[in-house]
Amino acid sequence: MIRVGIVLYPDFQLISLAMVSVFEYANLSLGKPLYQLTLLSEGGGMVRASAGVEINTAPFGHARFDTLLVVGDYDVTETSPAVIAFLRKAARHSRRLGATCTGAFNLAQAGLLAGKRATTHWFHATKMRREYPDVKLEEDSIFVHDAGVWTSAGATAGIDLALTLVEEDAGAETAKLVAKKLVVYHRRSGGQSQHSALLEMLPRTDRIHKALAYAKAHLANELSVEELAGVVHLSARQFSRAFRDETGQSPAKAIERLRTEAARLMIESGNVPIEVVAKDTGFGDPDRMRRAFLRAYGQPPQVIRRATRHAAA
């Protein structure tokens, strides 16, 4: 049985505990208890989350864990000496050490990320770079693994990290089944961006949002201005003006961003041929997609695919 310890501290974010459900559903899917979960804190007892909910925990004690994970909080807080000592001890005895969101700062304060690749919530990336320049921060990644230490971005990214651990322990099919039962996308790849093109454009009106949602669902279409305008019952001129006012960019540029984001996800998530990715995402041919990738990411699709495979290996 794999013993998993999860370290909590006052004002942690409750969403970090979503990864508990991943391990729980892995046990249910396997029909036997692969994971034994223990919520831990410095003194044990009730620990209050930032949302006001209290969670009962066990004290650190002398127990050893195969996998030890630290949750994150809304703000970056100074790690207590007891937590630092416990993390350093775990680093000597645990097979895996990890953190979600700002929990990476706990690992950094304990000196466990020095010289290692890591990530954290994008909002706190600048602070991490400034205070821990010896950390090789990949601020746009969903999660990162380096030499037995795992870190993830904020909020739901802890689910992706936990699904990856389940895949490592019990195989890809079990991880897929767990994701299906949790009704989440099967494990976003670690190199996938923390940001969404739709979220960043953030149109003010439902009309423009509807056009973007339509575009994302029909990327294989031509998606001309006339097609998008017809979806929201505007003339092409009215639509183009409203779209630029609300998003700060032209419809053509926005569609390219949606296509490159979808294509990168396909490239990172499987072995779909580049030609098929280009066709399914509306680029039409690989060369056109390659030029779009160079504009968006500074790298062609083949380089991103090789990097994904290398990280998986």
C-alpha atoms as a PDB file:
ATOM      1  CA  MET A   1       0.000   0.000   0.000  1.00  0.00           C
ATOM      2  CA  ILE A   2       1.254   3.474  -0.911  1.00  0.00           C
ATOM      3  CA  ARG A   3       1.171   5.840   2.059  1.00  0.00           C
ATOM      4  CA  VAL A   4       0.397   9.420   0.994  1.00  0.00           C
ATOM      5  CA  GLY A   5       0.761  12.277   3.458  1.00  0.00           C
ATOM      6  CA  ILE A   6      -0.752  15.685   2.690  1.00  0.00           C
ATOM      7  CA  VAL A   7       0.546  18.620   4.718  1.00  0.00           C
ATOM      8  CA  LEU A   8      -1.964  21.340   5.683  1.00  0.00           C
ATOM      9  CA  TYR A   9      -1.417  24.624   7.511  1.00  0.00           C
ATOM     10  CA  PRO A  10      -3.728  27.480   8.574  1.00  0.00           C
ATOM     11  CA  ASP A  11      -5.443  29.341   5.722  1.00  0.00           C
ATOM     12  CA  PHE A  12      -4.671  26.699   3.097  1.00  0.00           C
ATOM     13  CA  GLN A  13      -6.962  26.676   0.079  1.00  0.00           C
ATOM     14  CA  LEU A  14      -9.638  24.003   0.213  1.00  0.00           C
ATOM     15  CA  ILE A  15      -9.473  23.357  -3.532  1.00  0.00           C
ATOM     16  CA  SER A  16      -6.002  21.890  -2.999  1.00  0.00           C
ATOM     17  CA  LEU A  17      -7.653  18.892  -1.358  1.00  0.00           C
ATOM     18  CA  ALA A  18      -9.362  17.992  -4.645  1.00  0.00           C
ATOM     19  CA  MET A  19      -6.399  15.697  -5.259  1.00  0.00           C
ATOM     20  CA  VAL A  20      -7.613  13.565  -2.332  1.00  0.00           C
ATOM     21  CA  SER A  21     -10.551  12.503  -4.517  1.00  0.00           C
ATOM     22  CA  VAL A  22      -8.143  11.346  -7.220  1.00  0.00           C
ATOM     23  CA  PHE A  23      -6.487   8.888  -4.841  1.00  0.00           C
ATOM     24  CA  GLU A  24      -9.870   7.892  -3.408  1.00  0.00           C
ATOM     25  CA  TYR A  25     -11.279   7.102  -6.842  1.00  0.00           C
ATOM     26  CA  ALA A  26      -8.130   5.185  -7.728  1.00  0.00           C
ATOM     27  CA  ASN A  27      -8.821   2.897  -4.768  1.00  0.00           C
ATOM     28  CA  LEU A  28     -12.455   2.517  -5.838  1.00  0.00           C
ATOM     29  CA  SER A  29     -11.539   1.858  -9.472  1.00  0.00           C
ATOM     30  CA  LEU A  30      -9.012  -0.792  -8.547  1.00  0.00           C
ATOM     31  CA  GLY A  31     -11.366  -2.441  -6.085  1.00  0.00           C
ATOM     32  CA  LYS A  32      -8.658  -2.452  -3.443  1.00  0.00           C
ATOM     33  CA  PRO A  33      -6.854   0.152  -1.311  1.00  0.00           C
ATOM     34  CA  LEU A  34      -3.753   1.114  -3.256  1.00  0.00           C
ATOM     35  CA  TYR A  35      -3.438   4.418  -1.361  1.00  0.00           C
ATOM     36  CA  GLN A  36      -3.618   5.169   2.352  1.00  0.00           C
ATOM     37  CA  LEU A  37      -4.182   8.883   2.872  1.00  0.00           C
ATOM     38  CA  THR A  38      -3.239  10.921   5.938  1.00  0.00           C
ATOM     39  CA  LEU A  39      -3.862  14.653   6.367  1.00  0.00           C
ATOM     40  CA  LEU A  40      -1.052  16.149   8.440  1.00  0.00           C
ATOM     41  CA  SER A  41      -0.282  19.371  10.262  1.00  0.00           C
ATOM     42  CA  GLU A  42       2.360  20.613  12.661  1.00  0.00           C
ATOM     43  CA  GLY A  43       0.343  20.058  15.831  1.00  0.00           C
ATOM     44  CA  GLY A  44      -2.476  17.860  14.543  1.00  0.00           C
ATOM     45  CA  GLY A  45      -6.138  18.541  15.262  1.00  0.00           C
ATOM     46  CA  MET A  46      -8.401  20.945  13.390  1.00  0.00           C
ATOM     47  CA  VAL A  47      -6.802  23.178  10.744  1.00  0.00           C
ATOM     48  CA  ARG A  48      -8.844  26.075   9.360  1.00  0.00           C
ATOM     49  CA  ALA A  49      -8.896  26.626   5.578  1.00  0.00           C
ATOM     50  CA  SER A  50      -9.071  30.100   4.028  1.00  0.00           C
ATOM     51  CA  ALA A  51     -12.759  29.436   3.293  1.00  0.00           C
ATOM     52  CA  GLY A  52     -13.426  28.923   6.996  1.00  0.00           C
ATOM     53  CA  VAL A  53     -13.884  25.152   6.849  1.00  0.00           C
ATOM     54  CA  GLU A  54     -11.922  23.152   9.422  1.00  0.00           C
ATOM     55  CA  ILE A  55     -10.248  19.842   8.618  1.00  0.00           C
ATOM     56  CA  ASN A  56      -9.059  17.299  11.162  1.00  0.00           C
ATOM     57  CA  THR A  57      -5.389  16.310  10.844  1.00  0.00           C
ATOM     58  CA  ALA A  58      -2.809  14.050  12.444  1.00  0.00           C
ATOM     59  CA  PRO A  59       0.422  15.499  13.896  1.00  0.00           C
ATOM     60  CA  PHE A  60       3.684  15.031  12.012  1.00  0.00           C
ATOM     61  CA  GLY A  61       5.100  12.507  14.466  1.00  0.00           C
ATOM     62  CA  HIS A  62       7.648   9.997  13.191  1.00  0.00           C
ATOM     63  CA  ALA A  63       5.592   8.345  10.461  1.00  0.00           C
ATOM     64  CA  ARG A  64       7.192   7.965   7.049  1.00  0.00           C
ATOM     65  CA  PHE A  65       5.362   8.330   3.761  1.00  0.00           C
ATOM     66  CA  ASP A  66       6.022   7.057   0.272  1.00  0.00           C
ATOM     67  CA  THR A  67       4.595  10.293  -1.123  1.00  0.00           C
ATOM     68  CA  LEU A  68       4.385  13.602   0.740  1.00  0.00           C
ATOM     69  CA  LEU A  69       2.482  16.548  -0.744  1.00  0.00           C
ATOM     70  CA  VAL A  70       2.106  20.135   0.489  1.00  0.00           C
ATOM     71  CA  VAL A  71      -1.012  22.166  -0.310  1.00  0.00           C
ATOM     72  CA  GLY A  72      -1.092  25.826  -1.317  1.00  0.00           C
ATOM     73  CA  ASP A  73      -2.729  28.961   0.014  1.00  0.00           C
ATOM     74  CA  TYR A  74      -4.049  32.210  -1.418  1.00  0.00           C
ATOM     75  CA  ASP A  75      -1.051  34.238  -0.255  1.00  0.00           C
ATOM     76  CA  VAL A  76       2.519  33.084   0.206  1.00  0.00           C
ATOM     77  CA  THR A  77       3.170  32.645   3.935  1.00  0.00           C
ATOM     78  CA  GLU A  78       6.395  31.992   5.787  1.00  0.00           C
ATOM     79  CA  THR A  79       6.877  28.295   6.469  1.00  0.00           C
ATOM     80  CA  SER A  80       7.213  27.347  10.130  1.00  0.00           C
ATOM     81  CA  PRO A  81      10.502  25.740  11.274  1.00  0.00           C
ATOM     82  CA  ALA A  82       8.614  22.530  12.150  1.00  0.00           C
ATOM     83  CA  VAL A  83       7.199  22.228   8.619  1.00  0.00           C
ATOM     84  CA  ILE A  84      10.626  22.875   7.099  1.00  0.00           C
ATOM     85  CA  ALA A  85      12.218  20.210   9.318  1.00  0.00           C
ATOM     86  CA  PHE A  86       9.461  17.725   8.426  1.00  0.00           C
ATOM     87  CA  LEU A  87       9.871  18.363   4.695  1.00  0.00           C
ATOM     88  CA  ARG A  88      13.638  17.976   4.867  1.00  0.00           C
ATOM     89  CA  LYS A  89      13.231  14.704   6.734  1.00  0.00           C
ATOM     90  CA  ALA A  90      10.707  13.493   4.160  1.00  0.00           C
ATOM     91  CA  ALA A  91      13.125  14.366   1.358  1.00  0.00           C
ATOM     92  CA  ARG A  92      15.547  11.809   2.814  1.00  0.00           C
ATOM     93  CA  HIS A  93      13.020   9.001   3.194  1.00  0.00           C
ATOM     94  CA  SER A  94      10.098   9.536   0.769  1.00  0.00           C
ATOM     95  CA  ARG A  95      10.063   8.283  -2.808  1.00  0.00           C
ATOM     96  CA  ARG A  96       8.169  11.367  -3.961  1.00  0.00           C
ATOM     97  CA  LEU A  97       7.809  14.881  -2.660  1.00  0.00           C
ATOM     98  CA  GLY A  98       5.423  17.406  -4.119  1.00  0.00           C
ATOM     99  CA  ALA A  99       3.435  20.604  -3.760  1.00  0.00           C
ATOM    100  CA  THR A 100       0.441  22.275  -5.343  1.00  0.00           C
ATOM    101  CA  CYS A 101       0.118  25.992  -6.024  1.00  0.00           C
ATOM    102  CA  THR A 102       2.059  28.111  -3.487  1.00  0.00           C
ATOM    103  CA  GLY A 103       3.029  24.955  -1.627  1.00  0.00           C
ATOM    104  CA  ALA A 104       6.106  25.147  -3.866  1.00  0.00           C
ATOM    105  CA  PHE A 105       7.282  28.032  -1.667  1.00  0.00           C
ATOM    106  CA  ASN A 106       7.312  25.637   1.293  1.00  0.00           C
ATOM    107  CA  LEU A 107       9.624  23.328  -0.633  1.00  0.00           C
ATOM    108  CA  ALA A 108      11.780  26.250  -1.730  1.00  0.00           C
ATOM    109  CA  GLN A 109      12.050  27.597   1.828  1.00  0.00           C
ATOM    110  CA  ALA A 110      13.212  24.130   2.889  1.00  0.00           C
ATOM    111  CA  GLY A 111      15.904  24.247   0.190  1.00  0.00           C
ATOM    112  CA  LEU A 112      14.363  21.336  -1.712  1.00  0.00           C
ATOM    113  CA  LEU A 113      13.907  23.094  -5.065  1.00  0.00           C
ATOM    114  CA  ALA A 114      17.443  24.478  -5.423  1.00  0.00           C
ATOM    115  CA  GLY A 115      18.710  23.679  -8.905  1.00  0.00           C
ATOM    116  CA  LYS A 116      15.469  21.902  -9.817  1.00  0.00           C
ATOM    117  CA  ARG A 117      12.787  22.627 -12.378  1.00  0.00           C
ATOM    118  CA  ALA A 118       9.515  23.621 -10.731  1.00  0.00           C
ATOM    119  CA  THR A 119       6.308  25.591 -11.183  1.00  0.00           C
ATOM    120  CA  THR A 120       3.753  27.410  -9.047  1.00  0.00           C
ATOM    121  CA  HIS A 121       0.617  29.494  -9.526  1.00  0.00           C
ATOM    122  CA  TRP A 122       1.279  32.025 -12.297  1.00  0.00           C
ATOM    123  CA  PHE A 123       0.197  34.895 -10.028  1.00  0.00           C
ATOM    124  CA  HIS A 124       3.128  34.232  -7.670  1.00  0.00           C
ATOM    125  CA  ALA A 125       5.745  33.336 -10.294  1.00  0.00           C
ATOM    126  CA  THR A 126       7.486  36.727 -10.146  1.00  0.00           C
ATOM    127  CA  LYS A 127       7.847  36.421  -6.380  1.00  0.00           C
ATOM    128  CA  MET A 128       9.292  32.923  -6.748  1.00  0.00           C
ATOM    129  CA  ARG A 129      11.848  34.107  -9.303  1.00  0.00           C
ATOM    130  CA  ARG A 130      12.842  37.040  -7.141  1.00  0.00           C
ATOM    131  CA  GLU A 131      13.174  35.186  -3.837  1.00  0.00           C
ATOM    132  CA  TYR A 132      14.501  31.860  -5.127  1.00  0.00           C
ATOM    133  CA  PRO A 133      16.650  32.527  -8.203  1.00  0.00           C
ATOM    134  CA  ASP A 134      18.222  29.068  -7.863  1.00  0.00           C
ATOM    135  CA  VAL A 135      14.884  27.445  -8.786  1.00  0.00           C
ATOM    136  CA  LYS A 136      14.504  26.717 -12.506  1.00  0.00           C
ATOM    137  CA  LEU A 137      10.975  28.060 -12.648  1.00  0.00           C
ATOM    138  CA  GLU A 138       8.657  27.052 -15.494  1.00  0.00           C
ATOM    139  CA  GLU A 139       5.896  29.485 -14.667  1.00  0.00           C
ATOM    140  CA  ASP A 140       3.594  28.545 -17.541  1.00  0.00           C
ATOM    141  CA  SER A 141       3.479  24.786 -16.884  1.00  0.00           C
ATOM    142  CA  ILE A 142       0.572  22.877 -15.351  1.00  0.00           C
ATOM    143  CA  PHE A 143       2.971  20.661 -13.420  1.00  0.00           C
ATOM    144  CA  VAL A 144       6.674  19.821 -13.398  1.00  0.00           C
ATOM    145  CA  HIS A 145       8.626  16.749 -12.264  1.00  0.00           C
ATOM    146  CA  ASP A 146      12.334  16.851 -11.514  1.00  0.00           C
ATOM    147  CA  ALA A 147      14.297  14.197  -9.639  1.00  0.00           C
ATOM    148  CA  GLY A 148      11.433  12.918  -7.510  1.00  0.00           C
ATOM    149  CA  VAL A 149      10.021  16.363  -6.723  1.00  0.00           C
ATOM    150  CA  TRP A 150       6.656  17.331  -8.224  1.00  0.00           C
ATOM    151  CA  THR A 151       5.128  20.807  -8.306  1.00  0.00           C
ATOM    152  CA  SER A 152       1.907  22.017  -9.899  1.00  0.00           C
ATOM    153  CA  ALA A 153       0.185  25.262 -10.750  1.00  0.00           C
ATOM    154  CA  GLY A 154      -2.722  26.534  -8.684  1.00  0.00           C
ATOM    155  CA  ALA A 155      -6.346  25.509  -8.171  1.00  0.00           C
ATOM    156  CA  THR A 156      -7.351  22.458 -10.240  1.00  0.00           C
ATOM    157  CA  ALA A 157      -3.801  21.743 -11.453  1.00  0.00           C
ATOM    158  CA  GLY A 158      -3.332  19.595  -8.347  1.00  0.00           C
ATOM    159  CA  ILE A 159      -5.821  17.161  -9.922  1.00  0.00           C
ATOM    160  CA  ASP A 160      -3.567  16.839 -12.983  1.00  0.00           C
ATOM    161  CA  LEU A 161      -0.568  16.197 -10.756  1.00  0.00           C
ATOM    162  CA  ALA A 162      -2.427  13.547  -8.738  1.00  0.00           C
ATOM    163  CA  LEU A 163      -3.674  11.836 -11.922  1.00  0.00           C
ATOM    164  CA  THR A 164      -0.082  11.653 -13.122  1.00  0.00           C
ATOM    165  CA  LEU A 165       0.984   9.994  -9.878  1.00  0.00           C
ATOM    166  CA  VAL A 166      -1.857   7.487 -10.225  1.00  0.00           C
ATOM    167  CA  GLU A 167      -0.790   6.785 -13.805  1.00  0.00           C
ATOM    168  CA  GLU A 168       2.766   6.196 -12.587  1.00  0.00           C
ATOM    169  CA  ASP A 169       1.576   3.825  -9.838  1.00  0.00           C
ATOM    170  CA  ALA A 170      -1.351   2.003 -11.437  1.00  0.00           C
ATOM    171  CA  GLY A 171      -1.101   2.588 -15.182  1.00  0.00           C
ATOM    172  CA  ALA A 172      -2.669   4.816 -17.794  1.00  0.00           C
ATOM    173  CA  GLU A 173      -5.992   2.979 -17.981  1.00  0.00           C
ATOM    174  CA  THR A 174      -6.630   3.396 -14.260  1.00  0.00           C
ATOM    175  CA  ALA A 175      -5.786   7.093 -14.451  1.00  0.00           C
ATOM    176  CA  LYS A 176      -8.151   7.524 -17.406  1.00  0.00           C
ATOM    177  CA  LEU A 177     -10.929   5.745 -15.534  1.00  0.00           C
ATOM    178  CA  VAL A 178     -10.403   7.962 -12.482  1.00  0.00           C
ATOM    179  CA  ALA A 179     -10.522  11.085 -14.659  1.00  0.00           C
ATOM    180  CA  LYS A 180     -13.707   9.849 -16.310  1.00  0.00           C
ATOM    181  CA  LYS A 181     -15.373   9.219 -12.952  1.00  0.00           C
ATOM    182  CA  LEU A 182     -14.342  12.671 -11.754  1.00  0.00           C
ATOM    183  CA  VAL A 183     -15.660  14.185 -15.018  1.00  0.00           C
ATOM    184  CA  VAL A 184     -12.394  15.955 -15.792  1.00  0.00           C
ATOM    185  CA  TYR A 185     -10.222  16.026 -18.879  1.00  0.00           C
ATOM    186  CA  HIS A 186      -7.729  13.176 -18.652  1.00  0.00           C
ATOM    187  CA  ARG A 187      -4.634  14.774 -17.198  1.00  0.00           C
ATOM    188  CA  ARG A 188      -3.564  17.923 -18.977  1.00  0.00           C
ATOM    189  CA  SER A 189       0.060  17.500 -19.955  1.00  0.00           C
ATOM    190  CA  GLY A 190       2.619  19.099 -17.686  1.00  0.00           C
ATOM    191  CA  GLY A 191       3.908  21.445 -20.368  1.00  0.00           C
ATOM    192  CA  GLN A 192       0.464  22.785 -21.194  1.00  0.00           C
ATOM    193  CA  SER A 193       0.007  26.487 -20.517  1.00  0.00           C
ATOM    194  CA  GLN A 194      -1.719  27.634 -17.328  1.00  0.00           C
ATOM    195  CA  HIS A 195      -3.557  30.232 -19.415  1.00  0.00           C
ATOM    196  CA  SER A 196      -6.518  29.838 -21.739  1.00  0.00           C
ATOM    197  CA  ALA A 197      -6.904  31.902 -24.893  1.00  0.00           C
ATOM    198  CA  LEU A 198     -10.648  32.275 -24.268  1.00  0.00           C
ATOM    199  CA  LEU A 199     -10.038  33.372 -20.689  1.00  0.00           C
ATOM    200  CA  GLU A 200      -7.409  35.919 -21.683  1.00  0.00           C
ATOM    201  CA  MET A 201      -9.614  37.501 -24.365  1.00  0.00           C
ATOM    202  CA  LEU A 202     -12.493  37.802 -21.872  1.00  0.00           C
ATOM    203  CA  PRO A 203     -15.142  39.540 -24.023  1.00  0.00           C
ATOM    204  CA  ARG A 204     -17.566  41.811 -22.186  1.00  0.00           C
ATOM    205  CA  THR A 205     -20.785  40.717 -23.880  1.00  0.00           C
ATOM    206  CA  ASP A 206     -22.452  37.351 -24.301  1.00  0.00           C
ATOM    207  CA  ARG A 207     -22.651  37.989 -28.032  1.00  0.00           C
ATOM    208  CA  ILE A 208     -18.886  38.018 -28.609  1.00  0.00           C
ATOM    209  CA  HIS A 209     -18.388  35.210 -26.107  1.00  0.00           C
ATOM    210  CA  LYS A 210     -20.911  33.125 -28.052  1.00  0.00           C
ATOM    211  CA  ALA A 211     -18.982  33.731 -31.274  1.00  0.00           C
ATOM    212  CA  LEU A 212     -15.720  32.628 -29.639  1.00  0.00           C
ATOM    213  CA  ALA A 213     -17.348  29.538 -28.125  1.00  0.00           C
ATOM    214  CA  TYR A 214     -18.733  28.656 -31.546  1.00  0.00           C
ATOM    215  CA  ALA A 215     -15.301  29.117 -33.099  1.00  0.00           C
ATOM    216  CA  LYS A 216     -13.645  26.878 -30.516  1.00  0.00           C
ATOM    217  CA  ALA A 217     -16.229  24.146 -31.174  1.00  0.00           C
ATOM    218  CA  HIS A 218     -15.876  24.403 -34.985  1.00  0.00           C
ATOM    219  CA  LEU A 219     -12.157  24.957 -35.566  1.00  0.00           C
ATOM    220  CA  ALA A 220     -12.172  22.770 -38.674  1.00  0.00           C
ATOM    221  CA  ASN A 221     -14.503  25.303 -40.365  1.00  0.00           C
ATOM    222  CA  GLU A 222     -13.190  28.256 -42.337  1.00  0.00           C
ATOM    223  CA  LEU A 223     -14.458  30.594 -39.570  1.00  0.00           C
ATOM    224  CA  SER A 224     -14.625  33.674 -41.744  1.00  0.00           C
ATOM    225  CA  VAL A 225     -15.835  36.967 -40.322  1.00  0.00           C
ATOM    226  CA  GLU A 226     -19.088  36.416 -42.182  1.00  0.00           C
ATOM    227  CA  GLU A 227     -19.598  32.974 -40.583  1.00  0.00           C
ATOM    228  CA  LEU A 228     -18.929  34.276 -37.056  1.00  0.00           C
ATOM    229  CA  ALA A 229     -21.063  37.371 -37.595  1.00  0.00           C
ATOM    230  CA  GLY A 230     -23.945  35.194 -38.750  1.00  0.00           C
ATOM    231  CA  VAL A 231     -23.793  33.170 -35.527  1.00  0.00           C
ATOM    232  CA  VAL A 232     -24.548  36.295 -33.485  1.00  0.00           C
ATOM    233  CA  HIS A 233     -26.816  37.977 -36.059  1.00  0.00           C
ATOM    234  CA  LEU A 234     -24.568  40.949 -36.887  1.00  0.00           C
ATOM    235  CA  SER A 235     -23.220  42.284 -40.136  1.00  0.00           C
ATOM    236  CA  ALA A 236     -19.555  41.494 -40.829  1.00  0.00           C
ATOM    237  CA  ARG A 237     -18.630  45.160 -40.279  1.00  0.00           C
ATOM    238  CA  GLN A 238     -20.546  45.414 -36.986  1.00  0.00           C
ATOM    239  CA  PHE A 239     -19.063  42.159 -35.761  1.00  0.00           C
ATOM    240  CA  SER A 240     -15.474  43.093 -36.609  1.00  0.00           C
ATOM    241  CA  ARG A 241     -15.800  46.453 -34.863  1.00  0.00           C
ATOM    242  CA  ALA A 242     -17.426  44.968 -31.738  1.00  0.00           C
ATOM    243  CA  PHE A 243     -14.951  42.096 -31.619  1.00  0.00           C
ATOM    244  CA  ARG A 244     -11.913  44.371 -31.735  1.00  0.00           C
ATOM    245  CA  ASP A 245     -13.424  46.734 -29.150  1.00  0.00           C
ATOM    246  CA  GLU A 246     -14.015  43.893 -26.674  1.00  0.00           C
ATOM    247  CA  THR A 247     -10.922  41.720 -27.205  1.00  0.00           C
ATOM    248  CA  GLY A 248      -8.316  44.156 -28.476  1.00  0.00           C
ATOM    249  CA  GLN A 249      -7.561  42.038 -31.534  1.00  0.00           C
ATOM    250  CA  SER A 250      -9.006  41.071 -34.887  1.00  0.00           C
ATOM    251  CA  PRO A 251     -11.209  37.981 -35.349  1.00  0.00           C
ATOM    252  CA  ALA A 252      -8.496  36.394 -37.518  1.00  0.00           C
ATOM    253  CA  LYS A 253      -5.860  36.784 -34.818  1.00  0.00           C
ATOM    254  CA  ALA A 254      -8.194  35.396 -32.152  1.00  0.00           C
ATOM    255  CA  ILE A 255      -9.071  32.361 -34.278  1.00  0.00           C
ATOM    256  CA  GLU A 256      -5.373  31.667 -34.809  1.00  0.00           C
ATOM    257  CA  ARG A 257      -4.830  31.725 -31.031  1.00  0.00           C
ATOM    258  CA  LEU A 258      -7.687  29.281 -30.493  1.00  0.00           C
ATOM    259  CA  ARG A 259      -6.306  26.996 -33.206  1.00  0.00           C
ATOM    260  CA  THR A 260      -2.742  27.011 -31.900  1.00  0.00           C
ATOM    261  CA  GLU A 261      -3.972  26.311 -28.361  1.00  0.00           C
ATOM    262  CA  ALA A 262      -6.101  23.360 -29.548  1.00  0.00           C
ATOM    263  CA  ALA A 263      -3.316  22.044 -31.782  1.00  0.00           C
ATOM    264  CA  ARG A 264      -0.759  22.222 -28.995  1.00  0.00           C
ATOM    265  CA  LEU A 265      -3.088  20.305 -26.686  1.00  0.00           C
ATOM    266  CA  MET A 266      -3.500  17.565 -29.320  1.00  0.00           C
ATOM    267  CA  ILE A 267       0.266  17.402 -29.877  1.00  0.00           C
ATOM    268  CA  GLU A 268       1.017  17.185 -26.150  1.00  0.00           C
ATOM    269  CA  SER A 269      -1.737  14.703 -25.359  1.00  0.00           C
ATOM    270  CA  GLY A 270      -1.101  11.933 -27.869  1.00  0.00           C
ATOM    271  CA  ASN A 271       0.516  10.589 -31.011  1.00  0.00           C
ATOM    272  CA  VAL A 272      -1.803  12.165 -33.556  1.00  0.00           C
ATOM    273  CA  PRO A 273       0.169  12.870 -36.766  1.00  0.00           C
ATOM    274  CA  ILE A 274       1.031  16.521 -37.324  1.00  0.00           C
ATOM    275  CA  GLU A 275      -0.878  16.498 -40.621  1.00  0.00           C
ATOM    276  CA  VAL A 276      -4.058  15.326 -38.859  1.00  0.00           C
ATOM    277  CA  VAL A 277      -3.653  17.936 -36.112  1.00  0.00           C
ATOM    278  CA  ALA A 278      -3.334  20.666 -38.741  1.00  0.00           C
ATOM    279  CA  LYS A 279      -6.465  19.470 -40.533  1.00  0.00           C
ATOM    280  CA  ASP A 280      -8.603  18.974 -37.412  1.00  0.00           C
ATOM    281  CA  THR A 281      -7.767  22.395 -35.967  1.00  0.00           C
ATOM    282  CA  GLY A 282      -8.471  24.273 -39.183  1.00  0.00           C
ATOM    283  CA  PHE A 283      -4.936  25.140 -40.268  1.00  0.00           C
ATOM    284  CA  GLY A 284      -5.336  22.980 -43.353  1.00  0.00           C
ATOM    285  CA  ASP A 285      -1.672  22.148 -43.823  1.00  0.00           C
ATOM    286  CA  PRO A 286       1.326  21.631 -41.488  1.00  0.00           C
ATOM    287  CA  ASP A 287       3.315  24.541 -42.879  1.00  0.00           C
ATOM    288  CA  ARG A 288       0.611  27.053 -42.040  1.00  0.00           C
ATOM    289  CA  MET A 289       0.355  25.560 -38.547  1.00  0.00           C
ATOM    290  CA  ARG A 290       4.129  25.696 -38.168  1.00  0.00           C
ATOM    291  CA  ARG A 291       4.189  29.432 -38.905  1.00  0.00           C
ATOM    292  CA  ALA A 292       1.402  30.022 -36.375  1.00  0.00           C
ATOM    293  CA  PHE A 293       3.317  28.038 -33.715  1.00  0.00           C
ATOM    294  CA  LEU A 294       6.460  30.078 -34.314  1.00  0.00           C
ATOM    295  CA  ARG A 295       4.458  33.271 -33.818  1.00  0.00           C
ATOM    296  CA  ALA A 296       2.726  31.988 -30.685  1.00  0.00           C
ATOM    297  CA  TYR A 297       5.398  29.864 -28.975  1.00  0.00           C
ATOM    298  CA  GLY A 298       8.655  30.557 -30.781  1.00  0.00           C
ATOM    299  CA  GLN A 299       8.916  26.829 -31.571  1.00  0.00           C
ATOM    300  CA  PRO A 300       7.537  24.564 -34.302  1.00  0.00           C
ATOM    301  CA  PRO A 301       5.095  21.751 -33.416  1.00  0.00           C
ATOM    302  CA  GLN A 302       7.742  19.021 -33.793  1.00  0.00           C
ATOM    303  CA  VAL A 303       9.949  20.587 -31.116  1.00  0.00           C
ATOM    304  CA  ILE A 304       7.020  20.800 -28.693  1.00  0.00           C
ATOM    305  CA  ARG A 305       6.150  17.150 -29.367  1.00  0.00           C
ATOM    306  CA  ARG A 306       9.749  16.043 -28.714  1.00  0.00           C
ATOM    307  CA  ALA A 307       9.880  18.068 -25.497  1.00  0.00           C
ATOM    308  CA  THR A 308       6.607  16.490 -24.322  1.00  0.00           C
ATOM    309  CA  ARG A 309       7.880  12.983 -25.002  1.00  0.00           C
ATOM    310  CA  HIS A 310      11.157  13.740 -23.259  1.00  0.00           C
ATOM    311  CA  ALA A 311       9.329  15.074 -20.180  1.00  0.00           C
ATOM    312  CA  ALA A 312       7.081  11.989 -20.113  1.00  0.00           C
ATOM    313  CA  ALA A 313      10.100   9.693 -20.333  1.00  0.00           C
END
